[in-house]
Amino acid sequence: MILLKLAAGMVGMASLLHIMILLGGADWYRFFGAGEAMAILSEQGSSYPTLITATIAAVLATWSVYGLSGAGLLPKLPLRKIVLAGIASIFLLRGALAIPVVLVSDSPYMQELADKMTFMMITSLICLFIGTGYAVGTYRLMTADRK
């Protein structure tokens, strides 16, 4: 369960990073790939970037808690195996498909991301690692029940 512990820790750090982005404002939105539109909305005092970023932080925190539960560091949570499999799938899909989607899409935001290919490669690799950690952990939980 070492991979799942590590992956859950990384997701927890990503949640904290999103909280830091909330505090950092527009420049942080730009640096971390949220797009110019989100940065401008943040500069204008719109609540939209705050709501979206806070929601992402909450989802990531929840996913981290589920990962820690799956790794045995926290009590068993409801639907743990199904949720962990879903989290693994989302991270693996994000890691595998983000770059191809960015390259074929013609939306302004995707164009911004296409211009930040180093960022896209790094975040995609991170997502693949996290997804693998959750997938391996989920597999081990499911096979442990059969023994």
C-alpha atoms as a PDB file:
ATOM      1  CA  MET A   1       0.000   0.000   0.000  1.00  0.00           C
ATOM      2  CA  ILE A   2       3.031   2.270  -0.177  1.00  0.00           C
ATOM      3  CA  LEU A   3       2.014   3.522  -3.637  1.00  0.00           C
ATOM      4  CA  LEU A   4      -1.497   4.324  -2.439  1.00  0.00           C
ATOM      5  CA  LYS A   5      -0.149   6.167   0.611  1.00  0.00           C
ATOM      6  CA  LEU A   6       2.185   8.194  -1.582  1.00  0.00           C
ATOM      7  CA  ALA A   7      -0.534   8.921  -4.146  1.00  0.00           C
ATOM      8  CA  ALA A   8      -2.998   9.955  -1.425  1.00  0.00           C
ATOM      9  CA  GLY A   9      -0.353  12.250   0.061  1.00  0.00           C
ATOM     10  CA  MET A  10       0.246  13.841  -3.335  1.00  0.00           C
ATOM     11  CA  VAL A  11      -3.492  14.413  -3.784  1.00  0.00           C
ATOM     12  CA  GLY A  12      -3.600  15.994  -0.322  1.00  0.00           C
ATOM     13  CA  MET A  13      -0.758  18.310  -1.355  1.00  0.00           C
ATOM     14  CA  ALA A  14      -2.652  19.184  -4.543  1.00  0.00           C
ATOM     15  CA  SER A  15      -5.648  20.120  -2.400  1.00  0.00           C
ATOM     16  CA  LEU A  16      -3.460  22.397  -0.276  1.00  0.00           C
ATOM     17  CA  LEU A  17      -1.968  23.891  -3.431  1.00  0.00           C
ATOM     18  CA  HIS A  18      -5.443  24.838  -4.630  1.00  0.00           C
ATOM     19  CA  ILE A  19      -6.052  26.606  -1.314  1.00  0.00           C
ATOM     20  CA  MET A  20      -2.759  28.459  -1.798  1.00  0.00           C
ATOM     21  CA  ILE A  21      -3.884  29.439  -5.311  1.00  0.00           C
ATOM     22  CA  LEU A  22      -7.016  30.954  -3.760  1.00  0.00           C
ATOM     23  CA  LEU A  23      -4.817  33.046  -1.489  1.00  0.00           C
ATOM     24  CA  GLY A  24      -2.269  33.848  -4.207  1.00  0.00           C
ATOM     25  CA  GLY A  25      -4.795  35.299  -6.614  1.00  0.00           C
ATOM     26  CA  ALA A  26      -4.546  35.997 -10.323  1.00  0.00           C
ATOM     27  CA  ASP A  27      -0.809  35.431 -10.748  1.00  0.00           C
ATOM     28  CA  TRP A  28      -1.157  32.009  -9.147  1.00  0.00           C
ATOM     29  CA  TYR A  29      -4.076  31.140 -11.426  1.00  0.00           C
ATOM     30  CA  ARG A  30      -1.885  32.044 -14.406  1.00  0.00           C
ATOM     31  CA  PHE A  31       1.177  30.145 -13.198  1.00  0.00           C
ATOM     32  CA  PHE A  32      -0.726  26.961 -12.367  1.00  0.00           C
ATOM     33  CA  GLY A  33      -2.550  26.762 -15.687  1.00  0.00           C
ATOM     34  CA  ALA A  34      -6.049  27.927 -14.809  1.00  0.00           C
ATOM     35  CA  GLY A  35      -6.055  30.204 -17.830  1.00  0.00           C
ATOM     36  CA  GLU A  36      -6.126  33.910 -18.486  1.00  0.00           C
ATOM     37  CA  ALA A  37      -9.912  34.091 -18.196  1.00  0.00           C
ATOM     38  CA  MET A  38      -9.838  32.745 -14.626  1.00  0.00           C
ATOM     39  CA  ALA A  39      -6.993  35.107 -13.742  1.00  0.00           C
ATOM     40  CA  ILE A  40      -8.905  38.094 -15.097  1.00  0.00           C
ATOM     41  CA  LEU A  41     -12.056  37.063 -13.242  1.00  0.00           C
ATOM     42  CA  SER A  42      -9.982  36.801 -10.063  1.00  0.00           C
ATOM     43  CA  GLU A  43      -8.558  40.293 -10.637  1.00  0.00           C
ATOM     44  CA  GLN A  44     -12.076  41.621 -11.131  1.00  0.00           C
ATOM     45  CA  GLY A  45     -13.186  40.191  -7.798  1.00  0.00           C
ATOM     46  CA  SER A  46     -15.520  37.582  -9.285  1.00  0.00           C
ATOM     47  CA  SER A  47     -16.518  34.768  -6.943  1.00  0.00           C
ATOM     48  CA  TYR A  48     -16.410  32.237  -9.809  1.00  0.00           C
ATOM     49  CA  PRO A  49     -12.664  31.396  -9.571  1.00  0.00           C
ATOM     50  CA  THR A  50     -12.958  31.098  -5.800  1.00  0.00           C
ATOM     51  CA  LEU A  51     -15.943  28.740  -5.994  1.00  0.00           C
ATOM     52  CA  ILE A  52     -14.344  26.552  -8.670  1.00  0.00           C
ATOM     53  CA  THR A  53     -10.953  26.389  -6.947  1.00  0.00           C
ATOM     54  CA  ALA A  54     -12.459  25.758  -3.501  1.00  0.00           C
ATOM     55  CA  THR A  55     -14.585  22.964  -4.967  1.00  0.00           C
ATOM     56  CA  ILE A  56     -11.523  21.381  -6.587  1.00  0.00           C
ATOM     57  CA  ALA A  57      -9.628  21.650  -3.271  1.00  0.00           C
ATOM     58  CA  ALA A  58     -12.520  19.967  -1.424  1.00  0.00           C
ATOM     59  CA  VAL A  59     -12.799  17.161  -3.982  1.00  0.00           C
ATOM     60  CA  LEU A  60      -9.051  16.531  -3.877  1.00  0.00           C
ATOM     61  CA  ALA A  61      -9.092  16.521  -0.056  1.00  0.00           C
ATOM     62  CA  THR A  62     -11.915  13.968  -0.106  1.00  0.00           C
ATOM     63  CA  TRP A  63     -10.009  11.813  -2.594  1.00  0.00           C
ATOM     64  CA  SER A  64      -6.913  11.997  -0.401  1.00  0.00           C
ATOM     65  CA  VAL A  65      -8.927  10.849   2.626  1.00  0.00           C
ATOM     66  CA  TYR A  66     -10.312   7.932   0.593  1.00  0.00           C
ATOM     67  CA  GLY A  67      -6.784   7.004  -0.458  1.00  0.00           C
ATOM     68  CA  LEU A  68      -5.573   7.082   3.131  1.00  0.00           C
ATOM     69  CA  SER A  69      -8.579   4.964   4.119  1.00  0.00           C
ATOM     70  CA  GLY A  70      -7.755   2.450   1.397  1.00  0.00           C
ATOM     71  CA  ALA A  71      -4.152   2.344   2.595  1.00  0.00           C
ATOM     72  CA  GLY A  72      -5.349   1.509   6.104  1.00  0.00           C
ATOM     73  CA  LEU A  73      -4.288   4.786   7.715  1.00  0.00           C
ATOM     74  CA  LEU A  74      -7.868   5.928   8.304  1.00  0.00           C
ATOM     75  CA  PRO A  75     -11.058   3.990   9.079  1.00  0.00           C
ATOM     76  CA  LYS A  76     -12.934   2.275   6.249  1.00  0.00           C
ATOM     77  CA  LEU A  77     -15.183   4.693   4.376  1.00  0.00           C
ATOM     78  CA  PRO A  78     -18.462   3.901   2.585  1.00  0.00           C
ATOM     79  CA  LEU A  79     -18.093   2.557  -0.962  1.00  0.00           C
ATOM     80  CA  ARG A  80     -14.331   2.688  -0.510  1.00  0.00           C
ATOM     81  CA  LYS A  81     -13.352   0.302  -3.312  1.00  0.00           C
ATOM     82  CA  ILE A  82     -15.757   1.787  -5.860  1.00  0.00           C
ATOM     83  CA  VAL A  83     -14.681   5.338  -5.018  1.00  0.00           C
ATOM     84  CA  LEU A  84     -10.991   4.408  -5.177  1.00  0.00           C
ATOM     85  CA  ALA A  85     -11.500   2.748  -8.565  1.00  0.00           C
ATOM     86  CA  GLY A  86     -13.256   5.882  -9.805  1.00  0.00           C
ATOM     87  CA  ILE A  87     -10.473   8.135  -8.524  1.00  0.00           C
ATOM     88  CA  ALA A  88      -7.865   5.911 -10.189  1.00  0.00           C
ATOM     89  CA  SER A  89      -9.792   6.048 -13.466  1.00  0.00           C
ATOM     90  CA  ILE A  90     -10.106   9.829 -13.401  1.00  0.00           C
ATOM     91  CA  PHE A  91      -6.398  10.378 -12.751  1.00  0.00           C
ATOM     92  CA  LEU A  92      -5.350   7.807 -15.357  1.00  0.00           C
ATOM     93  CA  LEU A  93      -7.662   9.337 -17.965  1.00  0.00           C
ATOM     94  CA  ARG A  94      -6.441  12.851 -17.146  1.00  0.00           C
ATOM     95  CA  GLY A  95      -2.840  11.705 -17.425  1.00  0.00           C
ATOM     96  CA  ALA A  96      -3.330   9.816 -20.682  1.00  0.00           C
ATOM     97  CA  LEU A  97      -5.730  12.100 -22.550  1.00  0.00           C
ATOM     98  CA  ALA A  98      -4.968  15.678 -21.516  1.00  0.00           C
ATOM     99  CA  ILE A  99      -2.174  16.296 -24.005  1.00  0.00           C
ATOM    100  CA  PRO A 100      -3.960  14.751 -27.014  1.00  0.00           C
ATOM    101  CA  VAL A 101      -7.119  16.729 -26.182  1.00  0.00           C
ATOM    102  CA  VAL A 102      -5.138  19.960 -25.862  1.00  0.00           C
ATOM    103  CA  LEU A 103      -3.437  19.330 -29.207  1.00  0.00           C
ATOM    104  CA  VAL A 104      -6.645  18.727 -31.173  1.00  0.00           C
ATOM    105  CA  SER A 105      -8.924  21.277 -29.502  1.00  0.00           C
ATOM    106  CA  ASP A 106      -9.340  24.781 -30.853  1.00  0.00           C
ATOM    107  CA  SER A 107     -10.749  26.503 -27.760  1.00  0.00           C
ATOM    108  CA  PRO A 108      -8.785  29.518 -26.470  1.00  0.00           C
ATOM    109  CA  TYR A 109      -8.134  27.839 -23.111  1.00  0.00           C
ATOM    110  CA  MET A 110      -6.793  24.686 -24.771  1.00  0.00           C
ATOM    111  CA  GLN A 111      -4.584  26.893 -26.961  1.00  0.00           C
ATOM    112  CA  GLU A 112      -3.176  28.463 -23.783  1.00  0.00           C
ATOM    113  CA  LEU A 113      -2.401  24.996 -22.450  1.00  0.00           C
ATOM    114  CA  ALA A 114      -0.847  23.942 -25.765  1.00  0.00           C
ATOM    115  CA  ASP A 115       1.584  26.824 -25.317  1.00  0.00           C
ATOM    116  CA  LYS A 116       2.527  25.387 -21.899  1.00  0.00           C
ATOM    117  CA  MET A 117       3.482  21.899 -23.010  1.00  0.00           C
ATOM    118  CA  THR A 118       6.114  21.433 -20.284  1.00  0.00           C
ATOM    119  CA  PHE A 119       3.413  22.118 -17.690  1.00  0.00           C
ATOM    120  CA  MET A 120       1.083  19.694 -19.457  1.00  0.00           C
ATOM    121  CA  MET A 121       3.708  16.941 -19.587  1.00  0.00           C
ATOM    122  CA  ILE A 122       4.657  17.307 -15.924  1.00  0.00           C
ATOM    123  CA  THR A 123       1.061  17.387 -14.687  1.00  0.00           C
ATOM    124  CA  SER A 124       0.116  14.475 -16.933  1.00  0.00           C
ATOM    125  CA  LEU A 125       2.968  12.365 -15.557  1.00  0.00           C
ATOM    126  CA  ILE A 126       1.955  13.280 -12.011  1.00  0.00           C
ATOM    127  CA  CYS A 127      -1.636  12.264 -12.756  1.00  0.00           C
ATOM    128  CA  LEU A 128      -0.479   8.968 -14.275  1.00  0.00           C
ATOM    129  CA  PHE A 129       1.592   8.239 -11.168  1.00  0.00           C
ATOM    130  CA  ILE A 130      -1.273   9.100  -8.817  1.00  0.00           C
ATOM    131  CA  GLY A 131      -3.738   7.088 -10.900  1.00  0.00           C
ATOM    132  CA  THR A 132      -1.394   4.110 -10.873  1.00  0.00           C
ATOM    133  CA  GLY A 133      -1.024   4.362  -7.096  1.00  0.00           C
ATOM    134  CA  TYR A 134      -4.784   4.412  -6.616  1.00  0.00           C
ATOM    135  CA  ALA A 135      -5.284   1.596  -9.145  1.00  0.00           C
ATOM    136  CA  VAL A 136      -2.681  -0.669  -7.535  1.00  0.00           C
ATOM    137  CA  GLY A 137      -4.080   0.062  -4.078  1.00  0.00           C
ATOM    138  CA  THR A 138      -7.629  -0.647  -5.228  1.00  0.00           C
ATOM    139  CA  TYR A 139      -6.554  -3.888  -6.885  1.00  0.00           C
ATOM    140  CA  ARG A 140      -4.810  -5.015  -3.701  1.00  0.00           C
ATOM    141  CA  LEU A 141      -7.892  -4.203  -1.619  1.00  0.00           C
ATOM    142  CA  MET A 142     -10.123  -6.158  -3.974  1.00  0.00           C
ATOM    143  CA  THR A 143      -7.848  -9.188  -4.178  1.00  0.00           C
ATOM    144  CA  ALA A 144      -7.246  -9.201  -0.407  1.00  0.00           C
ATOM    145  CA  ASP A 145     -10.967  -9.836   0.097  1.00  0.00           C
ATOM    146  CA  ARG A 146     -10.770 -13.004  -2.010  1.00  0.00           C
ATOM    147  CA  LYS A 147      -8.081 -14.584   0.145  1.00  0.00           C
END
